Amino acid sequence: MTGSFSHIAVLGAGAWGTALALAARAAGRTVTLWVREDDVLSDIKAGKENRFLPGVAIPADLDVTGDLAAAAKADVLLLAVPAQVLHGFAGSLRPHLAKDQPVVICAKGIEKGSGKLVTEVAAEMLPGAALAILSGPSFARDVARGLPTAVTIAAKDGLAAQLQAALGSATFRPYASDDIAGVALGGAAKNVYAIACGVVEGMGLGENARAALLARSFAELTRLGESLGARRETLMGLSGLGDLVLTATSPSSRNFSFGMELGKGRTAAELCAPQRPLAEGAATAPALVARARTAGVEMPIAEAMADLLGGTLPLGEAMMRLMSRRLTTE
């Protein structure tokens, strides 16, 4: 099943893209890593570290290039660019794609303004591609170090199984699915809830409060997912609950750490400044709320985070708003 997928290109050399390139190489594939930043490209070619993934050695036989057209000639393309630039990047990539070429979206988020899932953005911008999405509980550093990781790959018409065979190895285990919407939503929403759990931690509200918030966050995610046609078992799996638990409980998570700093009194504007680590949940929160309102789904935790991040809800009042809601059944 992997015969036609011997060459994989990863487009985007941030921490996650670099980790995916190393995982594909460990699976025995020929790998090309497309790098946007000139300094990163120069460093890798010179045998130095990638500044986005310090402490991780880049093998000399990993092909790196700044030529998007050349990289796009691979059998499979893994798009590891941030969710908020996916629309523009896909437009640049489109002229270089072959018909029905497999393109795997590896970003997690919802597009600001449109409220579209990353898979919906890709479907609009890359209509001739065979689309898939890869998501799950996967810190880039652990993947890059070859530590055991399990993710979900969702696609239609048997493509997920082919990609599973091409990318799977002893330490990187993709589970196949055809629930594209469920996988895309789980990866996006968990970042918002990770910020919320970080806020609770930063405010010193205790582990009971964080556990309650995590459970109710998952209930919100499930409500919206079911309204969008996602399957409950997908949301209960790696790309839903699994990713939420990892991201919303670990200081290694950029989104959880972002929330901790918010909870300690720093502003979203400070934390979103250039050169700061990217926390996708900050941009996703208002888009998630807008998508939920369109679907007629109530999401009070996501709404509180969107208002807090937007500066319209003071920190102390955010938690009070949630705690003063009418008691109801679970």
Protein backbone atom coordinates (compact mmCIF):
# COMPACT_ATOMS: atom_id res chain seq x y z
CA MET A 1 0.00 0.00 0.00
CA THR A 2 2.96 2.33 0.42
CA GLY A 3 4.49 1.77 -3.01
CA SER A 4 3.14 5.00 -4.48
CA PHE A 5 3.93 6.95 -1.29
CA SER A 6 7.67 6.49 -1.09
CA HIS A 7 8.48 10.22 -1.21
CA ILE A 8 6.90 12.53 1.36
CA ALA A 9 7.34 16.30 1.51
CA VAL A 10 6.64 18.26 4.67
CA LEU A 11 5.81 21.88 3.90
CA GLY A 12 6.73 24.05 6.86
CA ALA A 13 9.82 23.68 9.04
CA GLY A 14 8.54 24.86 12.39
CA ALA A 15 8.83 22.50 15.34
CA TRP A 16 5.87 20.37 14.23
CA GLY A 17 6.86 20.20 10.56
CA THR A 18 10.42 19.25 11.43
CA ALA A 19 9.19 16.56 13.83
CA LEU A 20 6.89 15.13 11.14
CA ALA A 21 9.76 15.04 8.67
CA LEU A 22 11.83 13.05 11.15
CA ALA A 23 8.90 10.70 11.80
CA ALA A 24 8.42 10.09 8.07
CA ARG A 25 12.13 9.41 7.70
CA ALA A 26 11.96 6.91 10.58
CA ALA A 27 9.14 5.18 8.70
CA GLY A 28 11.57 4.56 5.85
CA ARG A 29 10.36 7.20 3.42
CA THR A 30 12.39 9.59 1.31
CA VAL A 31 11.64 12.98 2.88
CA THR A 32 11.87 16.56 1.67
CA LEU A 33 11.40 19.39 4.15
CA TRP A 34 10.34 22.71 2.64
CA VAL A 35 11.63 25.66 4.66
CA ARG A 36 10.24 29.18 4.37
CA GLU A 37 12.80 31.01 6.53
CA ASP A 38 16.16 31.62 4.86
CA ASP A 39 18.10 31.49 8.12
CA VAL A 40 16.55 28.17 9.12
CA LEU A 41 17.30 26.73 5.69
CA SER A 42 20.92 27.88 5.91
CA ASP A 43 21.36 26.50 9.41
CA ILE A 44 19.99 23.06 8.54
CA LYS A 45 22.13 22.84 5.40
CA ALA A 46 25.15 23.79 7.48
CA GLY A 47 24.46 20.94 9.91
CA LYS A 48 23.16 23.20 12.66
CA GLU A 49 19.97 22.94 14.70
CA ASN A 50 16.62 24.27 13.60
CA ARG A 51 15.96 27.22 15.93
CA PHE A 52 12.31 26.16 16.14
CA LEU A 53 13.32 22.78 17.57
CA PRO A 54 16.51 23.33 19.58
CA GLY A 55 18.40 20.33 20.88
CA VAL A 56 17.23 18.02 18.09
CA ALA A 57 19.80 16.86 15.55
CA ILE A 58 18.76 17.08 11.89
CA PRO A 59 20.13 14.11 9.89
CA ALA A 60 22.44 15.04 7.05
CA ASP A 61 20.46 12.92 4.58
CA LEU A 62 17.22 14.84 5.18
CA ASP A 63 16.61 16.84 2.01
CA VAL A 64 15.76 20.48 2.71
CA THR A 65 14.75 23.09 0.18
CA GLY A 66 13.26 26.54 -0.14
CA ASP A 67 11.79 25.70 -3.56
CA LEU A 68 8.06 25.04 -3.11
CA ALA A 69 7.56 23.81 -6.67
CA ALA A 70 10.32 21.23 -6.25
CA ALA A 71 9.00 20.03 -2.89
CA ALA A 72 5.49 19.66 -4.31
CA LYS A 73 6.69 16.93 -6.68
CA ALA A 74 6.64 14.43 -3.80
CA ASP A 75 4.02 11.67 -3.69
CA VAL A 76 2.38 13.05 -0.55
CA LEU A 77 2.43 16.56 0.91
CA LEU A 78 2.11 17.22 4.64
CA LEU A 79 1.07 20.85 5.25
CA ALA A 80 2.54 21.93 8.59
CA VAL A 81 1.84 25.66 8.35
CA PRO A 82 -0.19 27.56 11.00
CA ALA A 83 -3.95 27.47 10.62
CA GLN A 84 -4.28 31.23 10.14
CA VAL A 85 -1.94 31.29 7.12
CA LEU A 86 -3.26 28.10 5.54
CA HIS A 87 -5.60 29.95 3.16
CA GLY A 88 -2.84 32.05 1.64
CA PHE A 89 -0.31 29.24 1.60
CA ALA A 90 -2.73 26.90 -0.15
CA GLY A 91 -3.22 29.51 -2.83
CA SER A 92 0.54 29.57 -3.42
CA LEU A 93 0.71 25.77 -3.47
CA ARG A 94 -2.23 25.15 -5.80
CA PRO A 95 -0.41 25.74 -9.13
CA HIS A 96 2.16 23.09 -8.21
CA LEU A 97 -0.26 20.25 -7.36
CA ALA A 98 -0.99 17.25 -9.53
CA LYS A 99 -4.60 16.09 -9.84
CA ASP A 100 -5.68 13.93 -6.88
CA GLN A 101 -2.33 14.40 -5.16
CA PRO A 102 -2.66 13.50 -1.46
CA VAL A 103 -2.38 16.56 0.80
CA VAL A 104 -2.43 16.03 4.55
CA ILE A 105 -3.40 19.02 6.71
CA CYS A 106 -1.31 19.01 9.89
CA ALA A 107 -2.48 22.36 11.31
CA LYS A 108 -4.94 22.74 14.20
CA GLY A 109 -7.31 25.67 14.23
CA ILE A 110 -10.34 27.46 12.82
CA GLU A 111 -9.92 30.31 10.35
CA LYS A 112 -10.65 33.74 11.76
CA GLY A 113 -13.39 35.60 9.97
CA SER A 114 -14.80 32.64 8.07
CA GLY A 115 -15.11 30.18 10.96
CA LYS A 116 -14.00 27.36 8.67
CA LEU A 117 -12.17 24.27 9.87
CA VAL A 118 -8.72 23.82 8.36
CA THR A 119 -10.05 20.99 6.19
CA GLU A 120 -12.79 23.25 4.85
CA VAL A 121 -10.22 25.93 4.01
CA ALA A 122 -8.09 23.36 2.21
CA ALA A 123 -11.06 21.92 0.31
CA GLU A 124 -11.94 25.41 -0.94
CA MET A 125 -8.39 26.37 -1.91
CA LEU A 126 -7.14 22.98 -3.20
CA PRO A 127 -10.15 21.52 -5.00
CA GLY A 128 -8.12 19.03 -7.04
CA ALA A 129 -6.27 17.47 -4.09
CA ALA A 130 -7.06 14.26 -2.21
CA LEU A 131 -7.36 15.74 1.27
CA ALA A 132 -6.58 14.20 4.64
CA ILE A 133 -5.94 15.52 8.15
CA LEU A 134 -3.46 14.37 10.78
CA SER A 135 -4.09 15.29 14.41
CA GLY A 136 -3.78 13.93 17.92
CA PRO A 137 -1.87 14.20 21.20
CA SER A 138 1.58 14.92 19.87
CA PHE A 139 4.14 17.34 21.24
CA ALA A 140 6.67 18.02 18.49
CA ARG A 141 9.70 17.42 20.70
CA ASP A 142 8.56 13.93 21.71
CA VAL A 143 7.85 13.00 18.09
CA ALA A 144 11.24 14.35 16.98
CA ARG A 145 13.00 12.31 19.68
CA GLY A 146 11.28 9.13 18.54
CA LEU A 147 9.19 8.74 21.71
CA PRO A 148 5.97 6.69 21.38
CA THR A 149 3.16 8.74 19.84
CA ALA A 150 -0.29 7.86 18.48
CA VAL A 151 -2.30 10.15 16.20
CA THR A 152 -5.31 9.98 13.90
CA ILE A 153 -5.27 10.32 10.11
CA ALA A 154 -8.68 10.96 8.56
CA ALA A 155 -9.48 10.79 4.85
CA LYS A 156 -11.99 9.26 2.47
CA ASP A 157 -11.90 6.36 0.02
CA GLY A 158 -9.14 4.32 1.62
CA LEU A 159 -6.57 7.11 1.57
CA ALA A 160 -6.30 7.11 5.37
CA ALA A 161 -5.14 3.48 5.36
CA GLN A 162 -2.53 4.21 2.70
CA LEU A 163 -1.19 7.16 4.66
CA GLN A 164 -1.25 5.10 7.84
CA ALA A 165 0.97 2.51 6.18
CA ALA A 166 3.31 5.13 4.74
CA LEU A 167 3.85 7.08 7.98
CA GLY A 168 3.56 4.39 10.63
CA SER A 169 6.60 3.10 12.50
CA ALA A 170 7.41 1.42 15.80
CA THR A 171 7.14 4.75 17.63
CA PHE A 172 4.73 6.78 15.46
CA ARG A 173 1.34 5.07 15.23
CA PRO A 174 -1.35 6.67 13.05
CA TYR A 175 -4.91 5.34 13.47
CA ALA A 176 -7.09 5.58 10.37
CA SER A 177 -10.50 7.28 10.27
CA ASP A 178 -12.89 8.74 7.73
CA ASP A 179 -14.33 11.33 10.15
CA ILE A 180 -12.58 14.40 8.75
CA ALA A 181 -14.80 16.95 10.52
CA GLY A 182 -14.40 15.28 13.90
CA VAL A 183 -10.61 15.14 13.68
CA ALA A 184 -10.37 18.74 12.48
CA LEU A 185 -12.67 20.09 15.19
CA GLY A 186 -10.99 18.19 18.01
CA GLY A 187 -7.57 19.53 17.08
CA ALA A 188 -8.85 23.09 16.88
CA ALA A 189 -11.09 23.36 19.92
CA LYS A 190 -8.71 21.72 22.39
CA ASN A 191 -6.32 24.67 22.09
CA VAL A 192 -9.00 27.06 23.34
CA TYR A 193 -9.79 24.85 26.30
CA ALA A 194 -6.10 24.38 27.04
CA ILE A 195 -5.84 28.17 27.45
CA ALA A 196 -8.82 28.07 29.82
CA CYS A 197 -7.21 25.35 31.93
CA GLY A 198 -3.98 27.33 31.97
CA VAL A 199 -5.87 30.37 33.23
CA VAL A 200 -7.24 28.31 36.13
CA GLU A 201 -3.71 27.14 36.92
CA GLY A 202 -2.28 30.65 36.69
CA MET A 203 -4.95 32.05 38.98
CA GLY A 204 -4.21 29.36 41.55
CA LEU A 205 -7.79 28.06 41.59
CA GLY A 206 -6.74 24.49 42.30
CA GLU A 207 -6.82 21.09 40.64
CA ASN A 208 -10.52 20.48 41.38
CA ALA A 209 -11.42 23.56 39.34
CA ARG A 210 -9.14 22.52 36.49
CA ALA A 211 -10.61 19.00 36.38
CA ALA A 212 -14.15 20.39 36.32
CA LEU A 213 -13.27 22.85 33.58
CA LEU A 214 -11.63 20.11 31.52
CA ALA A 215 -14.69 17.88 31.79
CA ARG A 216 -17.13 20.63 30.89
CA SER A 217 -14.89 21.74 28.03
CA PHE A 218 -15.12 18.28 26.55
CA ALA A 219 -18.90 18.42 26.88
CA GLU A 220 -18.90 21.65 24.85
CA LEU A 221 -16.62 20.16 22.22
CA THR A 222 -18.89 17.11 21.92
CA ARG A 223 -22.02 19.23 21.49
CA LEU A 224 -20.53 21.23 18.66
CA GLY A 225 -18.95 18.17 17.06
CA GLU A 226 -22.23 16.29 16.91
CA SER A 227 -23.94 19.34 15.38
CA LEU A 228 -21.30 19.33 12.62
CA GLY A 229 -21.72 15.62 11.92
CA ALA A 230 -18.67 14.37 13.82
CA ARG A 231 -18.91 10.94 15.40
CA ARG A 232 -18.84 10.63 19.19
CA GLU A 233 -16.19 7.90 19.04
CA THR A 234 -13.90 10.26 17.14
CA LEU A 235 -14.31 12.96 19.77
CA MET A 236 -13.66 10.37 22.49
CA GLY A 237 -10.49 9.25 20.72
CA LEU A 238 -6.96 10.47 20.11
CA SER A 239 -7.79 13.59 18.13
CA GLY A 240 -10.47 14.73 20.59
CA LEU A 241 -10.24 13.77 24.24
CA GLY A 242 -6.68 12.47 23.93
CA ASP A 243 -5.36 15.73 22.50
CA LEU A 244 -7.41 17.79 24.95
CA VAL A 245 -6.01 15.96 27.97
CA LEU A 246 -2.41 16.36 26.79
CA THR A 247 -2.69 20.01 25.81
CA ALA A 248 -4.78 21.17 28.76
CA THR A 249 -2.65 19.63 31.51
CA SER A 250 0.99 20.14 30.58
CA PRO A 251 3.21 23.22 30.87
CA SER A 252 4.94 21.90 27.72
CA SER A 253 1.80 22.97 25.83
CA ARG A 254 2.11 26.44 24.31
CA ASN A 255 -1.61 27.02 24.81
CA PHE A 256 -1.65 25.88 28.44
CA SER A 257 1.42 28.01 29.16
CA PHE A 258 -0.22 30.97 27.40
CA GLY A 259 -3.26 30.55 29.66
CA MET A 260 -1.08 30.34 32.76
CA GLU A 261 0.46 33.69 31.91
CA LEU A 262 -3.01 35.16 31.33
CA GLY A 263 -4.08 33.83 34.70
CA LYS A 264 -1.13 35.56 36.33
CA GLY A 265 -2.26 38.91 34.94
CA ARG A 266 -0.42 39.30 31.65
CA THR A 267 -2.42 40.56 28.68
CA ALA A 268 -3.20 38.72 25.47
CA ALA A 269 -1.53 41.53 23.52
CA GLU A 270 1.73 40.95 25.39
CA LEU A 271 1.58 37.20 24.89
CA CYS A 272 0.74 37.47 21.17
CA ALA A 273 3.66 39.79 20.43
CA PRO A 274 6.06 38.90 17.60
CA GLN A 275 8.76 36.37 18.53
CA ARG A 276 6.53 34.89 21.22
CA PRO A 277 5.64 31.16 20.92
CA LEU A 278 2.52 30.70 18.79
CA ALA A 279 -0.60 29.68 20.74
CA GLU A 280 -3.15 28.79 18.06
CA GLY A 281 -5.99 28.84 20.59
CA ALA A 282 -5.79 32.63 20.92
CA ALA A 283 -6.86 33.11 17.30
CA THR A 284 -9.15 30.08 17.31
CA ALA A 285 -11.31 31.15 20.30
CA PRO A 286 -13.43 33.84 18.58
CA ALA A 287 -13.69 31.71 15.43
CA LEU A 288 -14.84 28.71 17.47
CA VAL A 289 -17.51 30.80 19.19
CA ALA A 290 -18.71 32.21 15.86
CA ARG A 291 -18.95 28.70 14.39
CA ALA A 292 -20.88 27.48 17.44
CA ARG A 293 -23.35 30.36 17.25
CA THR A 294 -23.97 29.62 13.58
CA ALA A 295 -24.68 26.02 14.56
CA GLY A 296 -26.92 27.11 17.45
CA VAL A 297 -24.67 25.48 20.07
CA GLU A 298 -24.04 27.09 23.45
CA MET A 299 -20.36 27.09 24.48
CA PRO A 300 -19.95 29.24 27.63
CA ILE A 301 -16.31 28.30 28.32
CA ALA A 302 -15.19 29.09 24.79
CA GLU A 303 -17.20 32.34 24.90
CA ALA A 304 -15.54 33.39 28.15
CA MET A 305 -12.10 32.72 26.69
CA ALA A 306 -12.90 34.65 23.52
CA ASP A 307 -14.07 37.64 25.56
CA LEU A 308 -11.07 37.43 27.90
CA LEU A 309 -8.67 37.27 24.97
CA GLY A 310 -10.50 40.10 23.23
CA GLY A 311 -10.15 42.34 26.27
CA THR A 312 -13.89 42.72 26.89
CA LEU A 313 -13.99 40.51 30.00
CA PRO A 314 -11.68 41.09 32.98
CA LEU A 315 -9.79 38.08 34.30
CA GLY A 316 -11.65 37.74 37.60
CA GLU A 317 -15.03 38.14 35.96
CA ALA A 318 -14.33 35.38 33.45
CA MET A 319 -14.33 32.71 36.14
CA MET A 320 -17.22 34.34 37.99
CA ARG A 321 -19.30 34.26 34.83
CA LEU A 322 -18.81 30.51 34.56
CA MET A 323 -19.30 29.78 38.25
CA SER A 324 -22.50 31.82 38.48
CA ARG A 325 -24.29 30.03 35.64
CA ARG A 326 -27.57 28.32 36.53
CA LEU A 327 -27.05 24.82 37.89
CA THR A 328 -28.42 22.12 35.62
CA THR A 329 -28.17 18.41 34.97
CA GLU A 330 -25.06 16.80 33.54
